[in-house]
Protein backbone atom coordinates (compact mmCIF):
# COMPACT_ATOMS: atom_id res chain seq x y z
CA MET A 1 0.58 21.51 -5.59
CA ARG A 2 -1.16 18.09 -5.42
CA THR A 3 -1.90 15.98 -8.38
CA TRP A 4 -5.33 14.71 -9.30
CA LYS A 5 -4.17 11.08 -8.36
CA GLU A 6 -3.43 12.38 -4.85
CA ILE A 7 -6.80 14.04 -4.42
CA LEU A 8 -8.80 11.04 -5.66
CA GLU A 9 -6.64 8.85 -3.38
CA ASN A 10 -7.46 10.90 -0.42
CA LEU A 11 -11.28 10.85 -1.38
CA LYS A 12 -11.24 7.00 -1.71
CA ARG A 13 -9.79 6.21 1.71
CA ALA A 14 -11.79 5.93 4.90
CA PRO A 15 -11.95 8.85 7.22
CA MET A 16 -9.11 8.90 9.69
CA GLY A 17 -9.96 7.37 13.04
CA TYR A 18 -12.55 5.04 11.49
CA SER A 19 -12.65 1.43 11.77
CA ALA A 20 -14.33 -1.16 9.51
CA ASP A 21 -15.83 -2.84 12.43
CA GLY A 22 -17.85 0.22 13.42
CA GLY A 23 -15.60 1.29 16.49
CA THR A 24 -13.37 4.24 16.34
CA LEU A 25 -9.69 4.11 16.53
CA GLY A 26 -7.57 7.10 17.84
CA LEU A 27 -5.92 9.30 15.12
CA GLY A 28 -2.48 8.29 16.04
CA LEU A 29 -3.33 4.60 15.79
CA SER A 30 -4.97 5.05 12.65
CA ASN A 31 -2.28 6.69 11.20
CA ALA A 32 0.24 3.96 12.47
CA LEU A 33 -1.89 1.35 10.76
CA ALA A 34 -1.92 3.08 7.27
CA LYS A 35 1.86 3.63 7.39
CA SER A 36 2.22 -0.06 8.31
CA ARG A 37 0.09 -1.11 5.35
CA LYS A 38 2.01 0.93 2.84
CA GLN A 39 5.29 -0.46 4.14
CA GLU A 40 4.03 -4.00 3.79
CA VAL A 41 3.09 -3.39 0.12
CA ALA A 42 6.42 -1.61 -0.47
CA ASP A 43 8.41 -4.71 1.08
CA VAL A 44 6.54 -7.06 -1.15
CA GLU A 45 7.12 -5.03 -4.37
CA GLN A 46 10.75 -4.70 -3.51
CA TYR A 47 11.19 -8.25 -2.96
CA LEU A 48 9.50 -9.20 -6.12
CA ARG A 49 11.68 -6.80 -8.12
CA SER A 50 14.96 -8.08 -6.75
CA ARG A 51 13.66 -11.71 -7.14
CA SER A 52 12.82 -10.99 -10.86
CA LEU A 53 16.24 -9.37 -11.64
CA SER A 54 18.25 -12.28 -9.91
CA GLU A 55 16.39 -15.26 -11.75
CA PRO A 56 16.94 -15.97 -15.32
CA GLN A 57 14.00 -15.28 -17.66
CA ALA A 58 12.17 -18.47 -18.61
CA THR A 59 11.10 -18.43 -22.33
CA ALA A 60 8.23 -20.48 -23.73
CA SER A 61 9.10 -22.05 -26.82
CA LYS A 62 8.18 -25.24 -28.61
């Protein structure tokens, strides 16, 4: 069963095969672009997490 968050996420995204410039994309290309965007975000999050764990925490003290 899907959660409310998943349902709202599906309603917010653009229809499959739709492009912002007004042209249409094939369904396969549209899916590939969506997957690529999600992977980019995951890569950035993973990089930032690994970097924050490896660097000492800076403290602001006077």
